[in-house]
Amino acid sequence: MLISSLLPMLARYSLGFDLVAGANDTVTLTILPRKAEGAKDNLEASETRPISITATAAEIDAELARGPDGALGQLIASRRTLADQIAEQRQAAEAARAAAAEAAKAKAAAPKTPAPAASPKTPAPSSPPVDAKAEEPASLW
């Protein structure tokens, strides 16, 4: 039952096991996922976290017998889904990075067009209007 419950994980990981007897007939089963030999992808830290189950031997057997519907099966499915999502995000980020680099390269290679000439500005009058009086401020109207 244990091995058939772990088959989905064996497709992606190499697994180590640790069994420890505890008080009151409990057993702690710890499953240690590791990168499988020949695997191309690096594993996320969350994927390699140990899975630990502490219960009586009968309870662990009953939980493992539930297969994909049991807690271990659901945890394995969740980890696989999260790992797949992380891989997709990495691919999307790499594609975006490559597209940005390509766009920057194309922009740098494009011929530059001359900037439009600045429009001539009307020079500010350097002398006061003819009808201005020295004792009064200049009026805008």
C-alpha atoms as a PDB file:
ATOM      1  CA  MET A   1       0.000   0.000   0.000  1.00  0.00           C
ATOM      2  CA  LEU A   2       2.799   2.425   0.839  1.00  0.00           C
ATOM      3  CA  ILE A   3       4.624   2.083  -2.453  1.00  0.00           C
ATOM      4  CA  SER A   4       1.510   2.324  -4.628  1.00  0.00           C
ATOM      5  CA  SER A   5       0.493   5.467  -2.691  1.00  0.00           C
ATOM      6  CA  LEU A   6       3.861   7.023  -3.421  1.00  0.00           C
ATOM      7  CA  LEU A   7       4.067   6.154  -7.124  1.00  0.00           C
ATOM      8  CA  PRO A   8       2.958   9.655  -8.198  1.00  0.00           C
ATOM      9  CA  MET A   9       5.865  11.130  -6.229  1.00  0.00           C
ATOM     10  CA  LEU A  10       8.361   8.620  -7.639  1.00  0.00           C
ATOM     11  CA  ALA A  11       7.739  10.008 -11.116  1.00  0.00           C
ATOM     12  CA  ARG A  12       9.325  13.305 -10.053  1.00  0.00           C
ATOM     13  CA  TYR A  13      11.376  12.594  -6.933  1.00  0.00           C
ATOM     14  CA  SER A  14      13.689  10.094  -5.378  1.00  0.00           C
ATOM     15  CA  LEU A  15      12.288   9.277  -1.929  1.00  0.00           C
ATOM     16  CA  GLY A  16      13.918   8.469   1.381  1.00  0.00           C
ATOM     17  CA  PHE A  17      12.033   7.094   4.366  1.00  0.00           C
ATOM     18  CA  ASP A  18      12.492   7.302   8.088  1.00  0.00           C
ATOM     19  CA  LEU A  19      10.383   5.209  10.481  1.00  0.00           C
ATOM     20  CA  VAL A  20      10.484   5.941  14.204  1.00  0.00           C
ATOM     21  CA  ALA A  21       8.509   4.134  16.897  1.00  0.00           C
ATOM     22  CA  GLY A  22       6.905   6.443  19.438  1.00  0.00           C
ATOM     23  CA  ALA A  23       5.010   6.197  22.689  1.00  0.00           C
ATOM     24  CA  ASN A  24       1.598   4.489  22.883  1.00  0.00           C
ATOM     25  CA  ASP A  25       2.159   2.346  19.766  1.00  0.00           C
ATOM     26  CA  THR A  26       2.531   5.382  17.482  1.00  0.00           C
ATOM     27  CA  VAL A  27       4.819   5.437  14.499  1.00  0.00           C
ATOM     28  CA  THR A  28       6.243   8.459  12.716  1.00  0.00           C
ATOM     29  CA  LEU A  29       6.744   7.944   8.996  1.00  0.00           C
ATOM     30  CA  THR A  30       8.842  10.658   7.385  1.00  0.00           C
ATOM     31  CA  ILE A  31       9.106  10.811   3.592  1.00  0.00           C
ATOM     32  CA  LEU A  32      12.098  12.759   2.269  1.00  0.00           C
ATOM     33  CA  PRO A  33      11.671  13.901  -1.368  1.00  0.00           C
ATOM     34  CA  ARG A  34      14.920  14.482  -3.276  1.00  0.00           C
ATOM     35  CA  LYS A  35      15.805  15.290  -6.846  1.00  0.00           C
ATOM     36  CA  ALA A  36      15.515  12.166  -8.967  1.00  0.00           C
ATOM     37  CA  GLU A  37      18.604  10.980 -10.805  1.00  0.00           C
ATOM     38  CA  GLY A  38      18.669  12.412 -14.284  1.00  0.00           C
ATOM     39  CA  ALA A  39      16.019  15.038 -13.528  1.00  0.00           C
ATOM     40  CA  LYS A  40      16.606  18.238 -15.470  1.00  0.00           C
ATOM     41  CA  ASP A  41      14.686  20.683 -13.309  1.00  0.00           C
ATOM     42  CA  ASN A  42      15.915  21.929  -9.974  1.00  0.00           C
ATOM     43  CA  LEU A  43      13.448  21.419  -7.165  1.00  0.00           C
ATOM     44  CA  GLU A  44      11.977  24.226  -5.128  1.00  0.00           C
ATOM     45  CA  ALA A  45      12.672  24.212  -1.397  1.00  0.00           C
ATOM     46  CA  SER A  46       8.978  23.667  -0.762  1.00  0.00           C
ATOM     47  CA  GLU A  47       9.057  20.502  -2.872  1.00  0.00           C
ATOM     48  CA  THR A  48      11.858  18.932  -0.864  1.00  0.00           C
ATOM     49  CA  ARG A  49      10.336  19.515   2.552  1.00  0.00           C
ATOM     50  CA  PRO A  50       9.869  16.247   4.392  1.00  0.00           C
ATOM     51  CA  ILE A  51       6.368  14.858   4.799  1.00  0.00           C
ATOM     52  CA  SER A  52       5.822  13.486   8.279  1.00  0.00           C
ATOM     53  CA  ILE A  53       2.886  11.366   9.462  1.00  0.00           C
ATOM     54  CA  THR A  54       2.518  10.368  13.101  1.00  0.00           C
ATOM     55  CA  ALA A  55      -0.232   7.890  14.046  1.00  0.00           C
ATOM     56  CA  THR A  56      -0.666   4.270  14.901  1.00  0.00           C
ATOM     57  CA  ALA A  57       0.437   1.775  12.286  1.00  0.00           C
ATOM     58  CA  ALA A  58      -3.204   0.870  11.587  1.00  0.00           C
ATOM     59  CA  GLU A  59      -4.157   4.542  11.092  1.00  0.00           C
ATOM     60  CA  ILE A  60      -1.246   5.129   8.720  1.00  0.00           C
ATOM     61  CA  ASP A  61      -2.180   1.998   6.754  1.00  0.00           C
ATOM     62  CA  ALA A  62      -5.819   3.123   6.581  1.00  0.00           C
ATOM     63  CA  GLU A  63      -4.823   6.606   5.393  1.00  0.00           C
ATOM     64  CA  LEU A  64      -2.479   5.215   2.755  1.00  0.00           C
ATOM     65  CA  ALA A  65      -5.211   2.814   1.609  1.00  0.00           C
ATOM     66  CA  ARG A  66      -7.336   5.822   0.660  1.00  0.00           C
ATOM     67  CA  GLY A  67      -4.810   6.494  -2.133  1.00  0.00           C
ATOM     68  CA  PRO A  68      -5.298   9.800  -3.944  1.00  0.00           C
ATOM     69  CA  ASP A  69      -8.265  10.701  -1.735  1.00  0.00           C
ATOM     70  CA  GLY A  70      -6.228  10.432   1.465  1.00  0.00           C
ATOM     71  CA  ALA A  71      -4.206  13.184   3.069  1.00  0.00           C
ATOM     72  CA  LEU A  72      -0.927  11.946   1.601  1.00  0.00           C
ATOM     73  CA  GLY A  73      -2.415  11.643  -1.881  1.00  0.00           C
ATOM     74  CA  GLN A  74      -3.851  15.155  -1.692  1.00  0.00           C
ATOM     75  CA  LEU A  75      -0.549  16.531  -0.429  1.00  0.00           C
ATOM     76  CA  ILE A  76       1.317  14.853  -3.276  1.00  0.00           C
ATOM     77  CA  ALA A  77      -1.167  16.251  -5.817  1.00  0.00           C
ATOM     78  CA  SER A  78      -0.908  19.737  -4.308  1.00  0.00           C
ATOM     79  CA  ARG A  79       2.877  19.677  -4.407  1.00  0.00           C
ATOM     80  CA  ARG A  80       2.856  18.493  -8.006  1.00  0.00           C
ATOM     81  CA  THR A  81       0.386  21.231  -8.977  1.00  0.00           C
ATOM     82  CA  LEU A  82       2.428  23.906  -7.220  1.00  0.00           C
ATOM     83  CA  ALA A  83       5.652  22.660  -8.790  1.00  0.00           C
ATOM     84  CA  ASP A  84       4.018  22.756 -12.233  1.00  0.00           C
ATOM     85  CA  GLN A  85       2.773  26.304 -11.602  1.00  0.00           C
ATOM     86  CA  ILE A  86       6.248  27.417 -10.527  1.00  0.00           C
ATOM     87  CA  ALA A  87       7.740  25.878 -13.674  1.00  0.00           C
ATOM     88  CA  GLU A  88       5.153  27.658 -15.856  1.00  0.00           C
ATOM     89  CA  GLN A  89       5.871  30.982 -14.128  1.00  0.00           C
ATOM     90  CA  ARG A  90       9.604  30.521 -14.703  1.00  0.00           C
ATOM     91  CA  GLN A  91       9.017  29.805 -18.377  1.00  0.00           C
ATOM     92  CA  ALA A  92       6.759  32.863 -18.719  1.00  0.00           C
ATOM     93  CA  ALA A  93       9.312  35.062 -16.951  1.00  0.00           C
ATOM     94  CA  GLU A  94      12.108  33.763 -19.178  1.00  0.00           C
ATOM     95  CA  ALA A  95       9.999  34.354 -22.302  1.00  0.00           C
ATOM     96  CA  ALA A  96       9.191  37.908 -21.142  1.00  0.00           C
ATOM     97  CA  ARG A  97      12.870  38.547 -20.413  1.00  0.00           C
ATOM     98  CA  ALA A  98      13.850  37.294 -23.869  1.00  0.00           C
ATOM     99  CA  ALA A  99      11.139  39.389 -25.546  1.00  0.00           C
ATOM    100  CA  ALA A 100      12.257  42.502 -23.656  1.00  0.00           C
ATOM    101  CA  ALA A 101      15.879  41.895 -24.628  1.00  0.00           C
ATOM    102  CA  GLU A 102      14.853  41.396 -28.258  1.00  0.00           C
ATOM    103  CA  ALA A 103      12.769  44.599 -28.213  1.00  0.00           C
ATOM    104  CA  ALA A 104      15.660  46.545 -26.690  1.00  0.00           C
ATOM    105  CA  LYS A 105      18.028  45.146 -29.318  1.00  0.00           C
ATOM    106  CA  ALA A 106      15.606  46.085 -32.116  1.00  0.00           C
ATOM    107  CA  LYS A 107      15.162  49.567 -30.691  1.00  0.00           C
ATOM    108  CA  ALA A 108      18.919  50.085 -30.475  1.00  0.00           C
ATOM    109  CA  ALA A 109      19.398  48.881 -34.062  1.00  0.00           C
ATOM    110  CA  ALA A 110      16.597  51.055 -35.505  1.00  0.00           C
ATOM    111  CA  PRO A 111      17.779  54.160 -37.406  1.00  0.00           C
ATOM    112  CA  LYS A 112      17.339  57.287 -35.415  1.00  0.00           C
ATOM    113  CA  THR A 113      15.158  60.019 -36.878  1.00  0.00           C
ATOM    114  CA  PRO A 114      16.221  63.598 -36.246  1.00  0.00           C
ATOM    115  CA  ALA A 115      14.327  65.381 -33.544  1.00  0.00           C
ATOM    116  CA  PRO A 116      11.945  68.066 -34.830  1.00  0.00           C
ATOM    117  CA  ALA A 117      13.453  71.512 -34.765  1.00  0.00           C
ATOM    118  CA  ALA A 118      12.290  73.703 -31.936  1.00  0.00           C
ATOM    119  CA  SER A 119       9.685  76.226 -32.989  1.00  0.00           C
ATOM    120  CA  PRO A 120      10.975  79.757 -33.037  1.00  0.00           C
ATOM    121  CA  LYS A 121       9.959  81.668 -29.993  1.00  0.00           C
ATOM    122  CA  THR A 122       8.669  85.219 -30.128  1.00  0.00           C
ATOM    123  CA  PRO A 123      11.292  87.337 -28.453  1.00  0.00           C
ATOM    124  CA  ALA A 124      10.128  89.144 -25.377  1.00  0.00           C
ATOM    125  CA  PRO A 125      10.007  92.886 -25.838  1.00  0.00           C
ATOM    126  CA  SER A 126      13.094  94.477 -24.445  1.00  0.00           C
ATOM    127  CA  SER A 127      11.628  97.960 -24.096  1.00  0.00           C
ATOM    128  CA  PRO A 128       8.395  99.142 -22.460  1.00  0.00           C
ATOM    129  CA  PRO A 129       5.400 100.005 -24.672  1.00  0.00           C
ATOM    130  CA  VAL A 130       5.330 103.445 -26.216  1.00  0.00           C
ATOM    131  CA  ASP A 131       2.381 104.673 -24.136  1.00  0.00           C
ATOM    132  CA  ALA A 132       3.848 103.479 -20.782  1.00  0.00           C
ATOM    133  CA  LYS A 133       4.196 106.061 -18.052  1.00  0.00           C
ATOM    134  CA  ALA A 134       7.071 105.870 -15.617  1.00  0.00           C
ATOM    135  CA  GLU A 135       4.931 106.504 -12.507  1.00  0.00           C
ATOM    136  CA  GLU A 136       2.347 103.793 -13.327  1.00  0.00           C
ATOM    137  CA  PRO A 137       2.887 100.023 -13.499  1.00  0.00           C
ATOM    138  CA  ALA A 138       2.478  98.435 -16.907  1.00  0.00           C
ATOM    139  CA  SER A 139      -1.004  97.119 -17.637  1.00  0.00           C
ATOM    140  CA  LEU A 140      -1.791  93.891 -19.411  1.00  0.00           C
ATOM    141  CA  TRP A 141      -5.020  95.365 -20.867  1.00  0.00           C
END
